[in-house]
């Protein structure tokens, strides 16, 4: 906005303009309410999820509490005003958390870690059969779920995670010239149809390729969806079987309206890594990201045709959306924001 030039005989116009500027600034800053500025115990957050306006969870690392058991799960029943730490020793840093409802949830992390709860508070370790870092997990109901991660890892369960089947990958390998994929995100619409996304690397050629794959048979076979990009995809979100977004490295946002048969790039307005994306409906959505002390929050009201960018003082790691009035953002140092 241009600076307002005034003279003594036009002071009334200056005051009116100043009032308008103040009102606009206040309205913009009031879109998000600070629920928590930092974690009081200096924990690192990697994911956040809510099942209603009051009940939510965070996951990450609490290395100062116990170096041998750094995994951290926190829960709230008052919308995030206060958090309690779940009493479970988790010998690996956590990378994500997913809840199907207020009772059934799963947390994932390094060393193939999967933890599960059936009441929202008490957790048990599940045997994943892999030692690779898991990056994303998704359950379509309390029985059928999938998890993905490094070294082409794709897991499935038909009984809520009591047993997991290794569909692909899962083997920790040495750095070499072998091609491999890292899957960072997974989402299913039902037991059969879903997408995974990440990056395919070709060490011998010093190349990499954006990877988005779709299945229609419950992860038994996958079809590569071409994007023409080389950026790492960090997250993917579909609002229905046609409309979806994928976000990641270098501020990339990809969009499809035909189930991924064709992906087109949207202008994000940032070059920071976008780490998470979620929509309330076909029009209203948010994305977050950043790195090294710089965070970004992106918002759209037109399905991503245009994005508005806000900056933060810390990396933003996750956005979770219930509807237009209930969305939460998490920063790596424990910042939690809620939409107003």
C-alpha atoms as a PDB file:
ATOM      1  CA  UNK A   1       0.000   0.000   0.000  1.00  0.00           C
ATOM      2  CA  UNK A   2       1.343   3.482  -0.887  1.00  0.00           C
ATOM      3  CA  UNK A   3       2.352   5.814   1.948  1.00  0.00           C
ATOM      4  CA  UNK A   4      -0.309   8.464   2.599  1.00  0.00           C
ATOM      5  CA  UNK A   5       0.895  12.035   2.148  1.00  0.00           C
ATOM      6  CA  UNK A   6      -0.866  14.615   4.316  1.00  0.00           C
ATOM      7  CA  UNK A   7      -0.844  18.308   5.072  1.00  0.00           C
ATOM      8  CA  UNK A   8      -2.293  20.148   8.040  1.00  0.00           C
ATOM      9  CA  UNK A   9      -5.493  21.006   6.238  1.00  0.00           C
ATOM     10  CA  UNK A  10      -6.034  17.376   5.278  1.00  0.00           C
ATOM     11  CA  UNK A  11      -5.451  15.775   8.675  1.00  0.00           C
ATOM     12  CA  UNK A  12      -8.976  14.397   8.827  1.00  0.00           C
ATOM     13  CA  UNK A  13      -8.342  12.346   5.681  1.00  0.00           C
ATOM     14  CA  UNK A  14      -5.099  11.055   7.156  1.00  0.00           C
ATOM     15  CA  UNK A  15      -6.912   9.860  10.286  1.00  0.00           C
ATOM     16  CA  UNK A  16      -9.571   8.097   8.233  1.00  0.00           C
ATOM     17  CA  UNK A  17      -6.948   6.406   6.076  1.00  0.00           C
ATOM     18  CA  UNK A  18      -4.934   5.395   9.156  1.00  0.00           C
ATOM     19  CA  UNK A  19      -8.050   3.865  10.707  1.00  0.00           C
ATOM     20  CA  UNK A  20      -8.702   1.859   7.530  1.00  0.00           C
ATOM     21  CA  UNK A  21      -5.131   0.582   7.423  1.00  0.00           C
ATOM     22  CA  UNK A  22      -5.271  -0.445  11.095  1.00  0.00           C
ATOM     23  CA  UNK A  23      -8.561  -2.261  10.560  1.00  0.00           C
ATOM     24  CA  UNK A  24      -7.288  -4.167   7.535  1.00  0.00           C
ATOM     25  CA  UNK A  25      -4.096  -5.171   9.351  1.00  0.00           C
ATOM     26  CA  UNK A  26      -6.034  -6.337  12.380  1.00  0.00           C
ATOM     27  CA  UNK A  27      -8.431  -8.376  10.262  1.00  0.00           C
ATOM     28  CA  UNK A  28      -5.610 -10.118   8.455  1.00  0.00           C
ATOM     29  CA  UNK A  29      -3.702 -10.975  11.644  1.00  0.00           C
ATOM     30  CA  UNK A  30      -6.862 -12.200  13.365  1.00  0.00           C
ATOM     31  CA  UNK A  31      -7.373 -15.030  10.893  1.00  0.00           C
ATOM     32  CA  UNK A  32      -5.289 -17.273  13.167  1.00  0.00           C
ATOM     33  CA  UNK A  33      -5.416 -17.436  16.944  1.00  0.00           C
ATOM     34  CA  UNK A  34      -2.273 -18.470  18.813  1.00  0.00           C
ATOM     35  CA  UNK A  35      -3.155 -21.522  20.888  1.00  0.00           C
ATOM     36  CA  UNK A  36       0.446 -22.214  21.930  1.00  0.00           C
ATOM     37  CA  UNK A  37       3.586 -20.206  21.120  1.00  0.00           C
ATOM     38  CA  UNK A  38       6.210 -22.855  21.949  1.00  0.00           C
ATOM     39  CA  UNK A  39       6.291 -26.258  23.561  1.00  0.00           C
ATOM     40  CA  UNK A  40       7.066 -25.722  27.276  1.00  0.00           C
ATOM     41  CA  UNK A  41       9.416 -28.723  27.347  1.00  0.00           C
ATOM     42  CA  UNK A  42      11.282 -27.819  24.121  1.00  0.00           C
ATOM     43  CA  UNK A  43       9.858 -30.696  22.107  1.00  0.00           C
ATOM     44  CA  UNK A  44       9.992 -30.857  18.314  1.00  0.00           C
ATOM     45  CA  UNK A  45       6.619 -31.215  16.569  1.00  0.00           C
ATOM     46  CA  UNK A  46       6.193 -33.085  13.310  1.00  0.00           C
ATOM     47  CA  UNK A  47       2.432 -33.581  13.038  1.00  0.00           C
ATOM     48  CA  UNK A  48      -0.915 -32.492  14.465  1.00  0.00           C
ATOM     49  CA  UNK A  49      -4.455 -33.842  14.106  1.00  0.00           C
ATOM     50  CA  UNK A  50      -7.895 -33.151  15.598  1.00  0.00           C
ATOM     51  CA  UNK A  51     -11.122 -35.158  15.511  1.00  0.00           C
ATOM     52  CA  UNK A  52     -13.341 -32.286  16.711  1.00  0.00           C
ATOM     53  CA  UNK A  53     -12.964 -28.731  17.988  1.00  0.00           C
ATOM     54  CA  UNK A  54     -11.577 -29.869  21.345  1.00  0.00           C
ATOM     55  CA  UNK A  55      -9.840 -33.225  20.901  1.00  0.00           C
ATOM     56  CA  UNK A  56      -6.423 -33.396  19.263  1.00  0.00           C
ATOM     57  CA  UNK A  57      -2.939 -34.901  19.244  1.00  0.00           C
ATOM     58  CA  UNK A  58       0.608 -33.912  18.332  1.00  0.00           C
ATOM     59  CA  UNK A  59       3.604 -36.129  17.609  1.00  0.00           C
ATOM     60  CA  UNK A  60       7.330 -35.596  17.306  1.00  0.00           C
ATOM     61  CA  UNK A  61      10.447 -35.835  19.435  1.00  0.00           C
ATOM     62  CA  UNK A  62      11.179 -35.079  23.095  1.00  0.00           C
ATOM     63  CA  UNK A  63      14.892 -35.872  23.226  1.00  0.00           C
ATOM     64  CA  UNK A  64      15.480 -33.891  26.432  1.00  0.00           C
ATOM     65  CA  UNK A  65      13.110 -36.166  28.332  1.00  0.00           C
ATOM     66  CA  UNK A  66      14.705 -39.489  27.421  1.00  0.00           C
ATOM     67  CA  UNK A  67      17.481 -39.916  24.845  1.00  0.00           C
ATOM     68  CA  UNK A  68      16.710 -43.610  24.477  1.00  0.00           C
ATOM     69  CA  UNK A  69      12.980 -43.014  23.992  1.00  0.00           C
ATOM     70  CA  UNK A  70      12.635 -39.730  22.090  1.00  0.00           C
ATOM     71  CA  UNK A  71       9.210 -40.362  20.570  1.00  0.00           C
ATOM     72  CA  UNK A  72       6.571 -37.947  21.851  1.00  0.00           C
ATOM     73  CA  UNK A  73       2.764 -38.023  21.663  1.00  0.00           C
ATOM     74  CA  UNK A  74       0.709 -35.295  23.287  1.00  0.00           C
ATOM     75  CA  UNK A  75      -3.058 -34.971  23.552  1.00  0.00           C
ATOM     76  CA  UNK A  76      -5.566 -32.244  24.413  1.00  0.00           C
ATOM     77  CA  UNK A  77      -9.242 -32.186  25.305  1.00  0.00           C
ATOM     78  CA  UNK A  78      -9.612 -28.388  25.378  1.00  0.00           C
ATOM     79  CA  UNK A  79      -8.696 -27.369  21.842  1.00  0.00           C
ATOM     80  CA  UNK A  80      -4.964 -27.186  22.538  1.00  0.00           C
ATOM     81  CA  UNK A  81      -4.999 -24.789  25.486  1.00  0.00           C
ATOM     82  CA  UNK A  82      -3.184 -27.451  27.496  1.00  0.00           C
ATOM     83  CA  UNK A  83      -1.491 -30.707  26.525  1.00  0.00           C
ATOM     84  CA  UNK A  84      -0.684 -33.930  28.314  1.00  0.00           C
ATOM     85  CA  UNK A  85       2.067 -36.342  27.318  1.00  0.00           C
ATOM     86  CA  UNK A  86       0.983 -39.905  26.601  1.00  0.00           C
ATOM     87  CA  UNK A  87       2.665 -42.357  28.964  1.00  0.00           C
ATOM     88  CA  UNK A  88       4.435 -44.622  26.507  1.00  0.00           C
ATOM     89  CA  UNK A  89       8.143 -45.093  25.860  1.00  0.00           C
ATOM     90  CA  UNK A  90       8.810 -44.810  22.128  1.00  0.00           C
ATOM     91  CA  UNK A  91      12.424 -45.607  21.109  1.00  0.00           C
ATOM     92  CA  UNK A  92      12.322 -43.539  17.900  1.00  0.00           C
ATOM     93  CA  UNK A  93      11.471 -40.023  16.829  1.00  0.00           C
ATOM     94  CA  UNK A  94       7.969 -39.779  15.398  1.00  0.00           C
ATOM     95  CA  UNK A  95       7.244 -38.302  11.974  1.00  0.00           C
ATOM     96  CA  UNK A  96       3.442 -38.408  11.779  1.00  0.00           C
ATOM     97  CA  UNK A  97       0.158 -39.135  13.488  1.00  0.00           C
ATOM     98  CA  UNK A  98      -3.268 -40.059  12.103  1.00  0.00           C
ATOM     99  CA  UNK A  99      -6.645 -40.486  13.807  1.00  0.00           C
ATOM    100  CA  UNK A 100      -9.685 -42.115  12.271  1.00  0.00           C
ATOM    101  CA  UNK A 101     -11.948 -41.002  15.129  1.00  0.00           C
ATOM    102  CA  UNK A 102     -11.548 -39.955  18.759  1.00  0.00           C
ATOM    103  CA  UNK A 103     -10.484 -43.474  19.780  1.00  0.00           C
ATOM    104  CA  UNK A 104      -8.538 -45.043  16.915  1.00  0.00           C
ATOM    105  CA  UNK A 105      -5.171 -43.525  16.110  1.00  0.00           C
ATOM    106  CA  UNK A 106      -1.711 -44.418  14.827  1.00  0.00           C
ATOM    107  CA  UNK A 107       1.684 -42.731  15.110  1.00  0.00           C
ATOM    108  CA  UNK A 108       4.699 -43.518  12.921  1.00  0.00           C
ATOM    109  CA  UNK A 109       8.391 -42.722  12.878  1.00  0.00           C
ATOM    110  CA  UNK A 110      11.963 -43.830  12.508  1.00  0.00           C
ATOM    111  CA  UNK A 111      13.076 -47.482  12.620  1.00  0.00           C
ATOM    112  CA  UNK A 112       9.705 -48.636  11.282  1.00  0.00           C
ATOM    113  CA  UNK A 113       7.948 -47.392  14.402  1.00  0.00           C
ATOM    114  CA  UNK A 114       4.156 -47.712  14.555  1.00  0.00           C
ATOM    115  CA  UNK A 115       2.170 -47.074  17.736  1.00  0.00           C
ATOM    116  CA  UNK A 116      -1.583 -47.504  18.105  1.00  0.00           C
ATOM    117  CA  UNK A 117      -4.351 -46.449  20.461  1.00  0.00           C
ATOM    118  CA  UNK A 118      -7.977 -47.587  20.708  1.00  0.00           C
ATOM    119  CA  UNK A 119      -9.052 -45.064  23.346  1.00  0.00           C
ATOM    120  CA  UNK A 120      -7.083 -41.944  22.399  1.00  0.00           C
ATOM    121  CA  UNK A 121      -4.830 -42.047  25.485  1.00  0.00           C
ATOM    122  CA  UNK A 122      -3.185 -45.450  25.956  1.00  0.00           C
ATOM    123  CA  UNK A 123      -0.740 -46.598  23.291  1.00  0.00           C
ATOM    124  CA  UNK A 124       0.880 -49.877  22.246  1.00  0.00           C
ATOM    125  CA  UNK A 125       3.775 -50.566  19.875  1.00  0.00           C
ATOM    126  CA  UNK A 126       2.882 -52.473  16.700  1.00  0.00           C
ATOM    127  CA  UNK A 127       5.323 -54.641  14.734  1.00  0.00           C
ATOM    128  CA  UNK A 128       5.838 -53.166  11.270  1.00  0.00           C
ATOM    129  CA  UNK A 129       8.439 -55.741  10.115  1.00  0.00           C
ATOM    130  CA  UNK A 130      10.609 -52.966   8.649  1.00  0.00           C
ATOM    131  CA  UNK A 131      13.444 -50.789   9.950  1.00  0.00           C
ATOM    132  CA  UNK A 132      13.068 -47.879   7.543  1.00  0.00           C
ATOM    133  CA  UNK A 133      11.708 -44.483   8.516  1.00  0.00           C
ATOM    134  CA  UNK A 134       7.961 -44.284   7.949  1.00  0.00           C
ATOM    135  CA  UNK A 135       6.650 -40.963   6.675  1.00  0.00           C
ATOM    136  CA  UNK A 136       2.878 -41.252   6.323  1.00  0.00           C
ATOM    137  CA  UNK A 137      -0.004 -43.466   7.442  1.00  0.00           C
ATOM    138  CA  UNK A 138      -3.676 -43.596   6.500  1.00  0.00           C
ATOM    139  CA  UNK A 139      -6.578 -45.772   7.640  1.00  0.00           C
ATOM    140  CA  UNK A 140      -9.861 -45.882   5.708  1.00  0.00           C
ATOM    141  CA  UNK A 141     -11.615 -47.617   8.616  1.00  0.00           C
ATOM    142  CA  UNK A 142     -10.560 -49.139  11.946  1.00  0.00           C
ATOM    143  CA  UNK A 143      -9.245 -52.249  10.167  1.00  0.00           C
ATOM    144  CA  UNK A 144      -7.788 -51.318   6.761  1.00  0.00           C
ATOM    145  CA  UNK A 145      -4.764 -49.058   6.650  1.00  0.00           C
ATOM    146  CA  UNK A 146      -1.541 -48.317   4.777  1.00  0.00           C
ATOM    147  CA  UNK A 147       1.826 -46.797   5.644  1.00  0.00           C
ATOM    148  CA  UNK A 148       4.729 -45.623   3.474  1.00  0.00           C
ATOM    149  CA  UNK A 149       8.284 -44.423   3.923  1.00  0.00           C
ATOM    150  CA  UNK A 150      11.874 -44.559   2.797  1.00  0.00           C
ATOM    151  CA  UNK A 151      13.411 -47.219   0.540  1.00  0.00           C
ATOM    152  CA  UNK A 152      10.165 -47.816  -1.381  1.00  0.00           C
ATOM    153  CA  UNK A 153       8.374 -48.943   1.778  1.00  0.00           C
ATOM    154  CA  UNK A 154       4.647 -49.674   1.434  1.00  0.00           C
ATOM    155  CA  UNK A 155       2.849 -51.526   4.239  1.00  0.00           C
ATOM    156  CA  UNK A 156      -0.750 -52.669   4.623  1.00  0.00           C
ATOM    157  CA  UNK A 157      -2.902 -53.954   7.448  1.00  0.00           C
ATOM    158  CA  UNK A 158      -6.339 -55.548   7.475  1.00  0.00           C
ATOM    159  CA  UNK A 159      -6.786 -55.720  11.260  1.00  0.00           C
ATOM    160  CA  UNK A 160      -6.075 -52.243  12.604  1.00  0.00           C
ATOM    161  CA  UNK A 161      -2.328 -52.746  12.599  1.00  0.00           C
ATOM    162  CA  UNK A 162      -2.135 -55.783  14.847  1.00  0.00           C
ATOM    163  CA  UNK A 163      -0.267 -57.317  11.915  1.00  0.00           C
ATOM    164  CA  UNK A 164       1.369 -55.524   9.006  1.00  0.00           C
ATOM    165  CA  UNK A 165       2.259 -56.895   5.578  1.00  0.00           C
ATOM    166  CA  UNK A 166       5.242 -55.541   3.656  1.00  0.00           C
ATOM    167  CA  UNK A 167       3.995 -54.949   0.116  1.00  0.00           C
ATOM    168  CA  UNK A 168       7.135 -53.246  -1.212  1.00  0.00           C
ATOM    169  CA  UNK A 169      10.578 -52.215  -0.006  1.00  0.00           C
ATOM    170  CA  UNK A 170      11.243 -51.879   3.688  1.00  0.00           C
ATOM    171  CA  UNK A 171      14.902 -52.901   3.453  1.00  0.00           C
ATOM    172  CA  UNK A 172      17.515 -50.519   4.820  1.00  0.00           C
ATOM    173  CA  UNK A 173      20.237 -50.251   2.183  1.00  0.00           C
ATOM    174  CA  UNK A 174      23.582 -48.540   1.784  1.00  0.00           C
ATOM    175  CA  UNK A 175      23.943 -45.399  -0.257  1.00  0.00           C
ATOM    176  CA  UNK A 176      24.944 -46.497  -3.748  1.00  0.00           C
ATOM    177  CA  UNK A 177      23.978 -46.355  -7.389  1.00  0.00           C
ATOM    178  CA  UNK A 178      20.693 -48.228  -7.087  1.00  0.00           C
ATOM    179  CA  UNK A 179      17.501 -46.400  -7.975  1.00  0.00           C
ATOM    180  CA  UNK A 180      15.043 -46.026  -5.133  1.00  0.00           C
ATOM    181  CA  UNK A 181      11.948 -44.098  -4.088  1.00  0.00           C
ATOM    182  CA  UNK A 182      11.094 -42.256  -0.903  1.00  0.00           C
ATOM    183  CA  UNK A 183       7.376 -42.033  -0.222  1.00  0.00           C
ATOM    184  CA  UNK A 184       6.422 -39.071   1.972  1.00  0.00           C
ATOM    185  CA  UNK A 185       2.633 -39.077   1.702  1.00  0.00           C
ATOM    186  CA  UNK A 186      -0.288 -41.441   1.319  1.00  0.00           C
ATOM    187  CA  UNK A 187      -4.059 -40.980   1.125  1.00  0.00           C
ATOM    188  CA  UNK A 188      -6.881 -43.383   0.341  1.00  0.00           C
ATOM    189  CA  UNK A 189     -10.509 -42.615  -0.457  1.00  0.00           C
ATOM    190  CA  UNK A 190     -11.659 -46.175   0.258  1.00  0.00           C
ATOM    191  CA  UNK A 191     -10.102 -49.626   0.646  1.00  0.00           C
ATOM    192  CA  UNK A 192      -9.159 -49.743  -3.032  1.00  0.00           C
ATOM    193  CA  UNK A 193      -8.358 -46.257  -4.327  1.00  0.00           C
ATOM    194  CA  UNK A 194      -5.421 -44.224  -3.105  1.00  0.00           C
ATOM    195  CA  UNK A 195      -2.289 -42.240  -3.938  1.00  0.00           C
ATOM    196  CA  UNK A 196       1.296 -42.128  -2.720  1.00  0.00           C
ATOM    197  CA  UNK A 197       3.806 -39.381  -3.437  1.00  0.00           C
ATOM    198  CA  UNK A 198       7.463 -38.560  -2.935  1.00  0.00           C
ATOM    199  CA  UNK A 199      10.610 -38.691  -5.012  1.00  0.00           C
ATOM    200  CA  UNK A 200      12.435 -41.198  -7.243  1.00  0.00           C
ATOM    201  CA  UNK A 201      16.224 -40.848  -7.166  1.00  0.00           C
ATOM    202  CA  UNK A 202      18.767 -42.020  -9.742  1.00  0.00           C
ATOM    203  CA  UNK A 203      22.159 -41.730  -7.971  1.00  0.00           C
ATOM    204  CA  UNK A 204      24.262 -42.920 -10.906  1.00  0.00           C
ATOM    205  CA  UNK A 205      22.765 -40.240 -13.136  1.00  0.00           C
ATOM    206  CA  UNK A 206      22.613 -37.629 -10.339  1.00  0.00           C
ATOM    207  CA  UNK A 207      18.949 -37.106 -11.156  1.00  0.00           C
ATOM    208  CA  UNK A 208      15.637 -37.252  -9.397  1.00  0.00           C
ATOM    209  CA  UNK A 209      12.003 -37.319 -10.478  1.00  0.00           C
ATOM    210  CA  UNK A 210       8.766 -36.323  -8.800  1.00  0.00           C
ATOM    211  CA  UNK A 211       6.729 -39.426  -8.108  1.00  0.00           C
ATOM    212  CA  UNK A 212       2.952 -39.709  -7.710  1.00  0.00           C
ATOM    213  CA  UNK A 213       1.365 -43.139  -8.014  1.00  0.00           C
ATOM    214  CA  UNK A 214      -2.252 -44.293  -7.892  1.00  0.00           C
ATOM    215  CA  UNK A 215      -3.778 -47.649  -7.003  1.00  0.00           C
ATOM    216  CA  UNK A 216      -7.299 -48.935  -7.582  1.00  0.00           C
ATOM    217  CA  UNK A 217      -6.776 -52.416  -6.123  1.00  0.00           C
ATOM    218  CA  UNK A 218      -5.778 -51.766  -2.528  1.00  0.00           C
ATOM    219  CA  UNK A 219      -2.056 -51.140  -3.112  1.00  0.00           C
ATOM    220  CA  UNK A 220      -1.442 -54.370  -5.004  1.00  0.00           C
ATOM    221  CA  UNK A 221      -0.447 -52.509  -8.169  1.00  0.00           C
ATOM    222  CA  UNK A 222       0.416 -48.866  -8.793  1.00  0.00           C
ATOM    223  CA  UNK A 223       0.224 -46.630 -11.857  1.00  0.00           C
ATOM    224  CA  UNK A 224       2.726 -43.821 -12.274  1.00  0.00           C
ATOM    225  CA  UNK A 225       1.134 -40.401 -12.831  1.00  0.00           C
ATOM    226  CA  UNK A 226       3.394 -38.110 -14.842  1.00  0.00           C
ATOM    227  CA  UNK A 227       4.068 -34.563 -13.664  1.00  0.00           C
ATOM    228  CA  UNK A 228       7.163 -33.577 -15.620  1.00  0.00           C
ATOM    229  CA  UNK A 229       8.731 -32.296 -12.374  1.00  0.00           C
ATOM    230  CA  UNK A 230      11.847 -33.097 -10.351  1.00  0.00           C
ATOM    231  CA  UNK A 231      10.769 -31.705  -6.968  1.00  0.00           C
ATOM    232  CA  UNK A 232      10.310 -33.789  -3.830  1.00  0.00           C
ATOM    233  CA  UNK A 233       6.624 -34.120  -2.973  1.00  0.00           C
ATOM    234  CA  UNK A 234       6.030 -33.833   0.782  1.00  0.00           C
ATOM    235  CA  UNK A 235       2.247 -34.171   0.991  1.00  0.00           C
ATOM    236  CA  UNK A 236      -0.830 -34.998  -1.062  1.00  0.00           C
ATOM    237  CA  UNK A 237      -4.511 -34.296  -0.444  1.00  0.00           C
ATOM    238  CA  UNK A 238      -7.625 -35.323  -2.365  1.00  0.00           C
ATOM    239  CA  UNK A 239     -11.025 -33.832  -1.572  1.00  0.00           C
ATOM    240  CA  UNK A 240     -12.748 -36.473  -3.756  1.00  0.00           C
ATOM    241  CA  UNK A 241     -11.828 -38.964  -6.480  1.00  0.00           C
ATOM    242  CA  UNK A 242     -11.180 -36.170  -8.979  1.00  0.00           C
ATOM    243  CA  UNK A 243      -9.773 -33.133  -7.177  1.00  0.00           C
ATOM    244  CA  UNK A 244      -6.412 -33.161  -5.447  1.00  0.00           C
ATOM    245  CA  UNK A 245      -3.248 -31.227  -4.648  1.00  0.00           C
ATOM    246  CA  UNK A 246       0.384 -32.239  -4.105  1.00  0.00           C
ATOM    247  CA  UNK A 247       2.984 -29.960  -2.493  1.00  0.00           C
ATOM    248  CA  UNK A 248       6.691 -30.015  -1.819  1.00  0.00           C
ATOM    249  CA  UNK A 249      10.178 -28.778  -2.596  1.00  0.00           C
ATOM    250  CA  UNK A 250      10.831 -25.296  -4.049  1.00  0.00           C
ATOM    251  CA  UNK A 251       7.310 -24.157  -3.247  1.00  0.00           C
ATOM    252  CA  UNK A 252       5.721 -26.522  -5.744  1.00  0.00           C
ATOM    253  CA  UNK A 253       1.949 -26.998  -5.765  1.00  0.00           C
ATOM    254  CA  UNK A 254       0.451 -29.440  -8.254  1.00  0.00           C
ATOM    255  CA  UNK A 255      -3.283 -29.695  -8.959  1.00  0.00           C
ATOM    256  CA  UNK A 256      -5.514 -32.237 -10.671  1.00  0.00           C
ATOM    257  CA  UNK A 257      -9.228 -32.303 -11.444  1.00  0.00           C
ATOM    258  CA  UNK A 258      -9.292 -35.736 -13.090  1.00  0.00           C
ATOM    259  CA  UNK A 259      -7.912 -38.047 -10.426  1.00  0.00           C
ATOM    260  CA  UNK A 260      -4.295 -37.450 -11.365  1.00  0.00           C
ATOM    261  CA  UNK A 261      -4.440 -38.301 -15.051  1.00  0.00           C
ATOM    262  CA  UNK A 262      -3.056 -34.812 -15.553  1.00  0.00           C
ATOM    263  CA  UNK A 263      -1.276 -32.594 -13.023  1.00  0.00           C
ATOM    264  CA  UNK A 264      -0.764 -28.869 -13.558  1.00  0.00           C
ATOM    265  CA  UNK A 265       1.302 -26.445 -11.484  1.00  0.00           C
ATOM    266  CA  UNK A 266      -0.253 -23.678  -9.411  1.00  0.00           C
ATOM    267  CA  UNK A 267       1.686 -20.538  -8.472  1.00  0.00           C
ATOM    268  CA  UNK A 268       2.400 -20.725  -4.746  1.00  0.00           C
ATOM    269  CA  UNK A 269       4.228 -17.419  -4.323  1.00  0.00           C
ATOM    270  CA  UNK A 270       7.049 -18.983  -2.298  1.00  0.00           C
ATOM    271  CA  UNK A 271      10.232 -20.970  -2.890  1.00  0.00           C
ATOM    272  CA  UNK A 272      10.173 -22.516   0.585  1.00  0.00           C
ATOM    273  CA  UNK A 273       9.471 -26.231   0.887  1.00  0.00           C
ATOM    274  CA  UNK A 274       5.737 -26.780   1.381  1.00  0.00           C
ATOM    275  CA  UNK A 275       5.323 -29.651   3.825  1.00  0.00           C
ATOM    276  CA  UNK A 276       1.582 -30.079   4.289  1.00  0.00           C
ATOM    277  CA  UNK A 277      -1.675 -29.258   2.496  1.00  0.00           C
ATOM    278  CA  UNK A 278      -5.354 -29.724   3.348  1.00  0.00           C
ATOM    279  CA  UNK A 279      -8.682 -28.388   2.085  1.00  0.00           C
ATOM    280  CA  UNK A 280     -12.060 -27.860   3.731  1.00  0.00           C
ATOM    281  CA  UNK A 281     -13.836 -28.086   0.374  1.00  0.00           C
ATOM    282  CA  UNK A 282     -13.049 -27.571  -3.313  1.00  0.00           C
ATOM    283  CA  UNK A 283     -12.256 -23.886  -2.749  1.00  0.00           C
ATOM    284  CA  UNK A 284     -10.910 -23.230   0.748  1.00  0.00           C
ATOM    285  CA  UNK A 285      -7.569 -24.703   1.718  1.00  0.00           C
ATOM    286  CA  UNK A 286      -4.250 -24.136   3.449  1.00  0.00           C
ATOM    287  CA  UNK A 287      -0.646 -25.242   3.070  1.00  0.00           C
ATOM    288  CA  UNK A 288       2.366 -24.756   5.343  1.00  0.00           C
ATOM    289  CA  UNK A 289       6.117 -25.163   5.171  1.00  0.00           C
ATOM    290  CA  UNK A 290       9.487 -23.477   5.433  1.00  0.00           C
ATOM    291  CA  UNK A 291      12.865 -24.365   6.919  1.00  0.00           C
ATOM    292  CA  UNK A 292      15.818 -23.019   8.959  1.00  0.00           C
ATOM    293  CA  UNK A 293      13.829 -20.585  11.071  1.00  0.00           C
ATOM    294  CA  UNK A 294      11.568 -19.357   8.280  1.00  0.00           C
ATOM    295  CA  UNK A 295       7.993 -20.546   8.013  1.00  0.00           C
ATOM    296  CA  UNK A 296       5.203 -19.948   5.536  1.00  0.00           C
ATOM    297  CA  UNK A 297       1.426 -20.261   5.659  1.00  0.00           C
ATOM    298  CA  UNK A 298      -0.464 -20.308   2.373  1.00  0.00           C
ATOM    299  CA  UNK A 299      -4.215 -19.924   1.996  1.00  0.00           C
ATOM    300  CA  UNK A 300      -6.634 -20.032  -0.913  1.00  0.00           C
ATOM    301  CA  UNK A 301     -10.342 -19.459  -1.414  1.00  0.00           C
ATOM    302  CA  UNK A 302     -10.481 -20.378  -5.102  1.00  0.00           C
ATOM    303  CA  UNK A 303      -9.122 -23.914  -5.188  1.00  0.00           C
ATOM    304  CA  UNK A 304      -5.528 -22.779  -5.533  1.00  0.00           C
ATOM    305  CA  UNK A 305      -5.900 -20.546  -8.566  1.00  0.00           C
ATOM    306  CA  UNK A 306      -4.383 -17.926  -6.278  1.00  0.00           C
ATOM    307  CA  UNK A 307      -2.523 -18.336  -2.962  1.00  0.00           C
ATOM    308  CA  UNK A 308      -1.834 -15.798  -0.225  1.00  0.00           C
ATOM    309  CA  UNK A 309       1.470 -16.204   1.629  1.00  0.00           C
ATOM    310  CA  UNK A 310       2.172 -15.292   5.263  1.00  0.00           C
ATOM    311  CA  UNK A 311       5.590 -15.659   6.918  1.00  0.00           C
ATOM    312  CA  UNK A 312       6.396 -17.124  10.334  1.00  0.00           C
ATOM    313  CA  UNK A 313       9.512 -17.220  12.504  1.00  0.00           C
ATOM    314  CA  UNK A 314       9.702 -21.004  12.603  1.00  0.00           C
ATOM    315  CA  UNK A 315       9.246 -23.871  10.183  1.00  0.00           C
ATOM    316  CA  UNK A 316       5.615 -24.914   9.855  1.00  0.00           C
ATOM    317  CA  UNK A 317       5.191 -28.681   9.612  1.00  0.00           C
ATOM    318  CA  UNK A 318       1.511 -29.603   9.441  1.00  0.00           C
ATOM    319  CA  UNK A 319      -1.975 -28.332   8.678  1.00  0.00           C
ATOM    320  CA  UNK A 320      -5.073 -30.270   9.711  1.00  0.00           C
ATOM    321  CA  UNK A 321      -8.534 -29.219   8.550  1.00  0.00           C
ATOM    322  CA  UNK A 322     -11.947 -30.340   9.767  1.00  0.00           C
ATOM    323  CA  UNK A 323     -13.975 -27.643   8.005  1.00  0.00           C
ATOM    324  CA  UNK A 324     -13.753 -23.952   7.106  1.00  0.00           C
ATOM    325  CA  UNK A 325     -14.001 -22.869  10.756  1.00  0.00           C
ATOM    326  CA  UNK A 326     -11.785 -25.545  12.269  1.00  0.00           C
ATOM    327  CA  UNK A 327      -8.216 -25.739  11.022  1.00  0.00           C
ATOM    328  CA  UNK A 328      -4.980 -26.108  12.997  1.00  0.00           C
ATOM    329  CA  UNK A 329      -1.384 -25.373  12.066  1.00  0.00           C
ATOM    330  CA  UNK A 330       1.704 -26.716  13.842  1.00  0.00           C
ATOM    331  CA  UNK A 331       5.220 -25.285  13.873  1.00  0.00           C
ATOM    332  CA  UNK A 332       8.328 -27.338  14.538  1.00  0.00           C
ATOM    333  CA  UNK A 333       9.023 -25.673  17.910  1.00  0.00           C
ATOM    334  CA  UNK A 334       5.514 -26.169  19.237  1.00  0.00           C
ATOM    335  CA  UNK A 335       3.673 -23.215  17.739  1.00  0.00           C
ATOM    336  CA  UNK A 336      -0.017 -24.082  17.326  1.00  0.00           C
ATOM    337  CA  UNK A 337      -2.454 -21.819  15.493  1.00  0.00           C
ATOM    338  CA  UNK A 338      -6.208 -22.248  15.079  1.00  0.00           C
ATOM    339  CA  UNK A 339      -8.418 -20.616  12.464  1.00  0.00           C
ATOM    340  CA  UNK A 340     -10.929 -18.032  13.626  1.00  0.00           C
END
